[in-house]
Structures are given as structure tokens and as C-alpha cells.
């Protein structure tokens, strides 16, 4: 070696290969290739959360969740959570319906419930969901609005049902319908009288007068399905719904789930056509789901 030349350092040994974390690898595939990730599960007849395609998540109801409301309920559908609180106020009946009260519903999906909901005006998807929910309430009334009349043409109760999505892991609509039904069943109104002399409404303070409960006309149960690569998935999660080319919601009266015609509504969103066998499967699964909800007394 020539004087003054320093020998080059030996190359560092290559690091030993580290074992791959299966959970981390699966999470990476799910994020980078969500459709392929889901397709591998569906090819085996199962979903990422271990459900079969036709299975729904567990529905849990917590009635009277808000002590300051006239009625309330918290609905959990898997990780999806919706809170419904009902406040009652006195108003004048509509001219064309002088013997009826009002039920006003509002469904809010704030940014806190999911990263896909941004601050500001509701996105088109959230507006469509709220419109669909309000349409169900109007087309299939849950309570007898005549029971909200205090004095014909003079005074009635207005029930403001505010629904707030606390966590959106898919299928908010089904959870919202369940929360509303449970909240309406928990409503307690004071007995009120209308004074013709001064036009005032006075609520009874007599402890012997039991509060008024609302007669329930029907118990709607919403059952939604997603179509993903020709697979029909009941009660889709947020990840599954994001990959869906179409969705179907079947509204069934749980009180008549054993009857020949318990259907209240069927709606479809998305451009992918649904075959007759697929639609028949949706209706059959919805009837079974409504029957199970009724048998468990979840909305009683």
C-alpha cells in the first residue's frame, strides 16, 4: 500500500430482514387497495368484520339518554352511533289540519362523526341522507299527530326531534330510524289545558296526573344494503359503502313483520341496476331483521 493512503472502510453488513407485522400489512393493503382487500374476504364468503354478507351488526338502544329532553334515545349499530333528543313546544295548529300537532325531524352529520363530513354547509351526500330520512317519517307516520292536539284550532304540541350522528361507521340511516322510534316511545308530555279566556296553555302541576305517552302507530325498521361488485352486503360499514355502486333501503313495520305486506318503503340509490332476485333477497332479509328486532324488544 502506498504511503499516506488510508484503506477504505469495509461496507456495513446489510440489516437482517425484520418480520412483517400481519396487522400492519393488512392495514396497508386496506388503505392502498381497498377494493382488492374487500374482494379477498368476499371470495371466502366473509367480510372484514367477520360477518357473513347477509348479516347485520348488533343494534343496541339506550332509552332516555338525555334527562333534559321530553324524550330521547341513543342507538348503536356496530360502531355507528346516533343520538335523538325530542323537545316539545306549544304552537297553533295548521289551518288545514286544525286538530293535529307537528313532528319536526332534523338529522345532523357533523365533522366530529367522520372525516368525510367537512365543516360548513352539508355535503350532497349528507343532504340526500337527511332528505331520505325525513321522507320516511312523512310517508310512514310513527305517532298519531291528532294526539298532540291540545285544543282544536287553538293549541297543539310540536315535537322537535333533533338527531345527531356521533360516529359514522356506515349505515347512519338505519341507526337514525331506530333512535327516533325509541325516543318517541320515551316521550312524556305534561297534561295541558287551553284557557279560552286569555288564550294561554297551562300545564298541570298535579302530581296525581300522570304524563301523557304517545300512541305509536307503527314501528319502522330500516334495513340498508350495499351492492359491491355484484355482492349484496347487509348493513354496510363505511368502508364497504365507499366501494358500493348502489344501495337499497327497505323500511319494514316490525309490528307487522309476520304479515303478508309489512313493507313501508323501498328506495334505491346509485346507477347499478338491481336484479329481481337481489331485490327479493333484500326484502326477505329486512323482514327477518324486523322480526328479530321486534322479538328482542329493542324498540318496544
Protein backbone atom coordinates (compact mmCIF):
# COMPACT_ATOMS: atom_id res chain seq x y z
CA UNK A 1 0.00 0.00 0.00
CA UNK A 2 1.40 3.40 -0.92
CA UNK A 3 2.42 5.59 1.98
CA UNK A 4 -0.32 8.01 3.09
CA UNK A 5 -3.17 6.00 1.58
CA UNK A 6 -5.86 5.07 4.07
CA UNK A 7 -7.62 1.76 3.46
CA UNK A 8 -11.31 2.10 2.59
CA UNK A 9 -13.65 1.02 5.38
CA UNK A 10 -15.36 -2.29 4.94
CA UNK A 11 -19.02 -2.00 3.89
CA UNK A 12 -21.51 -2.25 6.73
CA UNK A 13 -23.37 -5.54 6.86
CA UNK A 14 -26.88 -5.44 5.45
CA UNK A 15 -29.55 -5.26 8.15
CA UNK A 16 -31.26 -8.51 8.88
CA UNK A 17 -34.79 -8.68 7.43
CA UNK A 18 -37.41 -7.83 10.01
CA UNK A 19 -40.52 -9.98 10.35
CA UNK A 20 -43.56 -8.32 8.78
CA UNK A 21 -46.41 -7.44 11.13
CA UNK A 22 -49.51 -9.10 9.58
CA UNK A 23 -51.83 -6.48 11.05
CA UNK A 24 -49.75 -3.62 9.65
CA UNK A 25 -49.52 -5.31 6.26
CA UNK A 26 -53.29 -5.83 6.16
CA UNK A 27 -53.89 -2.20 7.14
CA UNK A 28 -51.59 -1.03 4.35
CA UNK A 29 -53.36 -3.18 1.75
CA UNK A 30 -56.74 -1.97 3.02
CA UNK A 31 -55.67 1.66 2.62
CA UNK A 32 -53.87 1.34 -0.72
CA UNK A 33 -56.11 -1.24 -2.40
CA UNK A 34 -59.47 -1.20 -0.57
CA UNK A 35 -61.42 -2.95 -3.32
CA UNK A 36 -58.94 -5.80 -3.63
CA UNK A 37 -58.82 -6.06 0.16
CA UNK A 38 -62.59 -6.45 0.40
CA UNK A 39 -62.74 -8.76 -2.61
CA UNK A 40 -60.41 -11.27 -0.94
CA UNK A 41 -62.78 -11.54 2.00
CA UNK A 42 -65.92 -11.76 -0.13
CA UNK A 43 -64.35 -14.52 -2.21
CA UNK A 44 -64.23 -16.54 1.00
CA UNK A 45 -67.85 -15.71 1.87
CA UNK A 46 -66.99 -13.43 4.77
CA UNK A 47 -66.46 -9.72 5.44
CA UNK A 48 -63.56 -7.91 7.14
CA UNK A 49 -65.53 -7.66 10.41
CA UNK A 50 -66.21 -11.44 10.34
CA UNK A 51 -69.86 -11.08 9.32
CA UNK A 52 -71.41 -13.02 6.50
CA UNK A 53 -72.74 -10.86 3.63
CA UNK A 54 -76.35 -11.23 4.82
CA UNK A 55 -75.69 -10.49 8.49
CA UNK A 56 -76.45 -7.21 10.27
CA UNK A 57 -74.48 -5.63 13.07
CA UNK A 58 -75.79 -5.68 16.64
CA UNK A 59 -78.34 -2.97 17.44
CA UNK A 60 -78.27 -1.54 20.96
CA UNK A 61 -80.69 1.07 22.30
CA UNK A 62 -80.26 3.28 25.37
CA UNK A 63 -83.63 4.98 26.09
CA UNK A 64 -83.96 8.31 27.92
CA UNK A 65 -80.31 9.16 27.30
CA UNK A 66 -80.88 12.94 27.72
CA UNK A 67 -82.51 13.85 31.03
CA UNK A 68 -83.45 17.40 29.96
CA UNK A 69 -85.45 16.28 26.90
CA UNK A 70 -89.09 15.21 26.79
CA UNK A 71 -87.90 12.01 25.11
CA UNK A 72 -84.57 10.67 23.91
CA UNK A 73 -82.62 7.59 22.89
CA UNK A 74 -79.12 6.57 21.87
CA UNK A 75 -78.81 3.98 19.09
CA UNK A 76 -75.66 1.96 18.44
CA UNK A 77 -75.41 -0.04 15.22
CA UNK A 78 -71.98 -1.58 15.48
CA UNK A 79 -69.71 1.47 15.78
CA UNK A 80 -72.28 3.83 14.22
CA UNK A 81 -73.94 5.93 16.93
CA UNK A 82 -76.91 8.31 16.65
CA UNK A 83 -78.47 10.35 19.46
CA UNK A 84 -82.08 11.55 19.25
CA UNK A 85 -83.45 14.18 21.65
CA UNK A 86 -87.05 15.42 21.49
CA UNK A 87 -88.26 18.75 22.87
CA UNK A 88 -91.93 19.73 22.98
CA UNK A 89 -93.30 23.24 22.50
CA UNK A 90 -96.79 24.68 22.15
CA UNK A 91 -97.92 26.14 18.81
CA UNK A 92 -101.05 26.91 16.81
CA UNK A 93 -102.28 24.06 14.55
CA UNK A 94 -102.14 24.41 10.79
CA UNK A 95 -105.27 25.82 9.16
CA UNK A 96 -105.79 22.71 7.02
CA UNK A 97 -105.18 20.37 9.99
CA UNK A 98 -106.73 22.15 12.97
CA UNK A 99 -106.86 19.03 15.15
CA UNK A 100 -103.28 17.84 14.74
CA UNK A 101 -99.87 18.65 16.11
CA UNK A 102 -96.47 18.52 14.44
CA UNK A 103 -93.40 16.29 14.37
CA UNK A 104 -90.33 18.08 13.00
CA UNK A 105 -87.19 16.00 12.46
CA UNK A 106 -83.65 17.12 11.75
CA UNK A 107 -80.68 14.83 11.11
CA UNK A 108 -77.21 16.34 11.53
CA UNK A 109 -73.92 14.71 10.50
CA UNK A 110 -71.22 16.99 11.94
CA UNK A 111 -67.49 16.73 11.16
CA UNK A 112 -66.87 15.10 14.55
CA UNK A 113 -68.64 11.90 13.46
CA UNK A 114 -66.44 11.17 10.44
CA UNK A 115 -63.58 12.65 8.47
CA UNK A 116 -65.68 12.58 5.31
CA UNK A 117 -68.03 15.25 6.73
CA UNK A 118 -66.44 18.70 6.46
CA UNK A 119 -67.24 21.94 8.31
CA UNK A 120 -69.66 24.26 6.57
CA UNK A 121 -72.86 23.53 4.66
CA UNK A 122 -73.82 19.84 4.48
CA UNK A 123 -72.41 17.96 1.52
CA UNK A 124 -74.69 16.48 -1.12
CA UNK A 125 -74.49 13.01 0.43
CA UNK A 126 -75.49 14.27 3.89
CA UNK A 127 -78.34 16.31 2.41
CA UNK A 128 -79.62 13.31 0.46
CA UNK A 129 -79.49 11.16 3.59
CA UNK A 130 -81.38 13.74 5.68
CA UNK A 131 -83.97 14.15 2.91
CA UNK A 132 -84.47 10.39 2.66
CA UNK A 133 -84.86 10.13 6.43
CA UNK A 134 -87.42 12.96 6.55
CA UNK A 135 -89.31 11.34 3.68
CA UNK A 136 -89.65 8.10 5.63
CA UNK A 137 -91.03 9.95 8.65
CA UNK A 138 -93.58 11.77 6.50
CA UNK A 139 -94.71 8.80 4.39
CA UNK A 140 -94.93 6.33 7.29
CA UNK A 141 -96.05 8.33 10.37
CA UNK A 142 -94.88 6.80 13.65
CA UNK A 143 -97.18 8.70 16.02
CA UNK A 144 -100.79 9.83 15.78
CA UNK A 145 -100.48 13.59 15.35
CA UNK A 146 -104.10 14.01 16.48
CA UNK A 147 -102.95 13.02 19.97
CA UNK A 148 -100.75 16.13 20.00
CA UNK A 149 -103.75 18.45 19.79
CA UNK A 150 -104.45 20.42 22.98
CA UNK A 151 -107.39 22.50 21.73
CA UNK A 152 -108.68 22.31 18.17
CA UNK A 153 -107.70 25.35 16.08
CA UNK A 154 -106.06 26.94 19.12
CA UNK A 155 -103.13 24.96 20.53
CA UNK A 156 -101.12 21.82 19.89
CA UNK A 157 -97.80 20.23 20.71
CA UNK A 158 -94.84 20.48 18.35
CA UNK A 159 -92.23 17.76 18.81
CA UNK A 160 -88.77 18.78 17.63
CA UNK A 161 -86.71 15.63 17.11
CA UNK A 162 -83.05 16.51 16.69
CA UNK A 163 -80.83 13.61 15.66
CA UNK A 164 -77.06 13.91 15.94
CA UNK A 165 -74.67 11.37 14.47
CA UNK A 166 -71.87 10.89 16.99
CA UNK A 167 -69.94 8.31 14.97
CA UNK A 168 -70.44 7.37 11.32
CA UNK A 169 -69.17 3.90 10.55
CA UNK A 170 -71.73 3.40 7.80
CA UNK A 171 -75.49 2.99 7.62
CA UNK A 172 -76.44 6.09 9.61
CA UNK A 173 -79.97 5.90 8.19
CA UNK A 174 -80.84 2.60 9.90
CA UNK A 175 -79.46 3.82 13.23
CA UNK A 176 -81.32 7.14 12.92
CA UNK A 177 -84.68 5.43 12.34
CA UNK A 178 -84.12 3.21 15.38
CA UNK A 179 -83.11 6.18 17.55
CA UNK A 180 -86.19 8.16 16.51
CA UNK A 181 -88.62 5.31 17.20
CA UNK A 182 -87.08 4.63 20.63
CA UNK A 183 -87.08 8.34 21.51
CA UNK A 184 -90.74 8.76 20.54
CA UNK A 185 -91.66 5.81 22.73
CA UNK A 186 -89.96 7.51 25.67
CA UNK A 187 -91.71 10.87 25.25
CA UNK A 188 -93.60 12.11 28.31
CA UNK A 189 -95.73 15.23 27.95
CA UNK A 190 -97.42 17.15 30.76
CA UNK A 191 -101.20 17.28 30.68
CA UNK A 192 -102.12 20.69 29.31
CA UNK A 193 -105.33 22.71 29.04
CA UNK A 194 -106.21 25.69 26.88
CA UNK A 195 -107.83 28.70 28.57
CA UNK A 196 -110.36 30.30 26.22
CA UNK A 197 -110.43 33.50 28.27
CA UNK A 198 -106.80 34.53 27.87
CA UNK A 199 -105.65 32.10 25.17
CA UNK A 200 -102.98 30.59 27.40
CA UNK A 201 -101.96 26.96 27.70
CA UNK A 202 -101.38 25.73 31.22
CA UNK A 203 -99.65 22.50 32.10
CA UNK A 204 -100.94 20.55 35.06
CA UNK A 205 -98.72 20.50 38.15
CA UNK A 206 -100.90 17.97 39.96
CA UNK A 207 -98.71 15.04 40.93
CA UNK A 208 -101.66 12.68 40.51
CA UNK A 209 -101.91 13.50 36.79
CA UNK A 210 -99.66 11.06 35.02
CA UNK A 211 -97.75 12.43 32.00
CA UNK A 212 -99.05 11.66 28.54
CA UNK A 213 -97.35 8.98 26.45
CA UNK A 214 -97.65 8.87 22.68
CA UNK A 215 -99.63 6.13 20.93
CA UNK A 216 -97.30 4.51 18.39
CA UNK A 217 -98.93 3.75 15.04
CA UNK A 218 -96.11 1.58 13.70
CA UNK A 219 -92.53 0.57 14.45
CA UNK A 220 -90.48 1.12 11.30
CA UNK A 221 -87.17 -0.70 10.98
CA UNK A 222 -84.82 0.44 8.22
CA UNK A 223 -82.58 -2.18 6.61
CA UNK A 224 -79.97 -0.96 4.15
CA UNK A 225 -77.86 -2.95 1.70
CA UNK A 226 -74.86 -2.14 -0.49
CA UNK A 227 -74.01 -3.63 -3.87
CA UNK A 228 -70.24 -4.14 -4.20
CA UNK A 229 -69.02 -5.96 -7.31
CA UNK A 230 -72.34 -7.81 -7.56
CA UNK A 231 -72.17 -8.84 -3.89
CA UNK A 232 -75.15 -7.81 -1.74
CA UNK A 233 -73.97 -6.67 1.70
CA UNK A 234 -76.43 -6.10 4.54
CA UNK A 235 -75.82 -3.18 6.90
CA UNK A 236 -72.67 -1.91 5.15
CA UNK A 237 -69.83 -0.32 7.11
CA UNK A 238 -68.35 3.00 5.99
CA UNK A 239 -65.53 1.21 4.14
CA UNK A 240 -67.98 -1.06 2.31
CA UNK A 241 -70.36 1.80 1.46
CA UNK A 242 -67.48 3.77 -0.07
CA UNK A 243 -66.98 0.96 -2.61
CA UNK A 244 -70.68 0.43 -3.38
CA UNK A 245 -72.09 1.09 -6.83
CA UNK A 246 -75.65 1.12 -5.48
CA UNK A 247 -77.54 0.96 -2.20
CA UNK A 248 -81.03 -0.17 -1.25
CA UNK A 249 -83.03 0.60 1.88
CA UNK A 250 -86.11 -1.41 2.83
CA UNK A 251 -88.41 0.04 5.50
CA UNK A 252 -90.48 -2.61 7.30
CA UNK A 253 -93.09 -2.29 10.04
CA UNK A 254 -91.78 -4.51 12.84
CA UNK A 255 -95.29 -4.74 14.32
CA UNK A 256 -96.42 -6.44 11.10
CA UNK A 257 -93.24 -8.30 10.18
CA UNK A 258 -95.14 -11.59 10.15
CA UNK A 259 -97.91 -10.23 7.89
CA UNK A 260 -98.05 -10.67 4.15
CA UNK A 261 -97.33 -6.99 3.46
CA UNK A 262 -95.22 -5.28 6.15
CA UNK A 263 -93.36 -3.05 3.67
CA UNK A 264 -93.47 0.69 4.22
CA UNK A 265 -90.95 1.84 1.61
CA UNK A 266 -88.19 0.65 -0.71
CA UNK A 267 -85.64 3.15 -2.03
CA UNK A 268 -82.55 2.73 -4.19
CA UNK A 269 -79.58 5.00 -4.80
CA UNK A 270 -76.84 4.57 -7.38
CA UNK A 271 -76.79 3.63 -11.04
CA UNK A 272 -76.12 -0.10 -10.88
CA UNK A 273 -79.36 -1.98 -11.62
CA UNK A 274 -80.67 -4.45 -9.08
CA UNK A 275 -81.94 -7.81 -10.26
CA UNK A 276 -85.30 -9.16 -9.12
CA UNK A 277 -83.66 -11.96 -7.09
CA UNK A 278 -81.45 -9.40 -5.34
CA UNK A 279 -84.43 -7.18 -4.52
CA UNK A 280 -86.39 -10.18 -3.25
CA UNK A 281 -83.41 -11.11 -1.07
CA UNK A 282 -83.29 -7.57 0.37
CA UNK A 283 -86.98 -7.70 1.28
CA UNK A 284 -86.70 -11.17 2.82
CA UNK A 285 -83.66 -10.19 4.91
CA UNK A 286 -85.38 -6.96 6.00
CA UNK A 287 -88.44 -8.86 7.19
CA UNK A 288 -86.28 -11.26 9.18
CA UNK A 289 -84.34 -8.37 10.68
CA UNK A 290 -87.53 -6.54 11.69
CA UNK A 291 -88.87 -9.73 13.23
CA UNK A 292 -85.66 -10.17 15.23
CA UNK A 293 -85.74 -6.55 16.43
CA UNK A 294 -89.36 -6.96 17.49
CA UNK A 295 -88.72 -10.26 19.29
CA UNK A 296 -85.80 -8.73 21.20
CA UNK A 297 -87.98 -5.82 22.33
CA UNK A 298 -85.34 -3.30 21.24
CA UNK A 299 -87.89 -0.70 20.12
CA UNK A 300 -90.74 -1.63 22.47
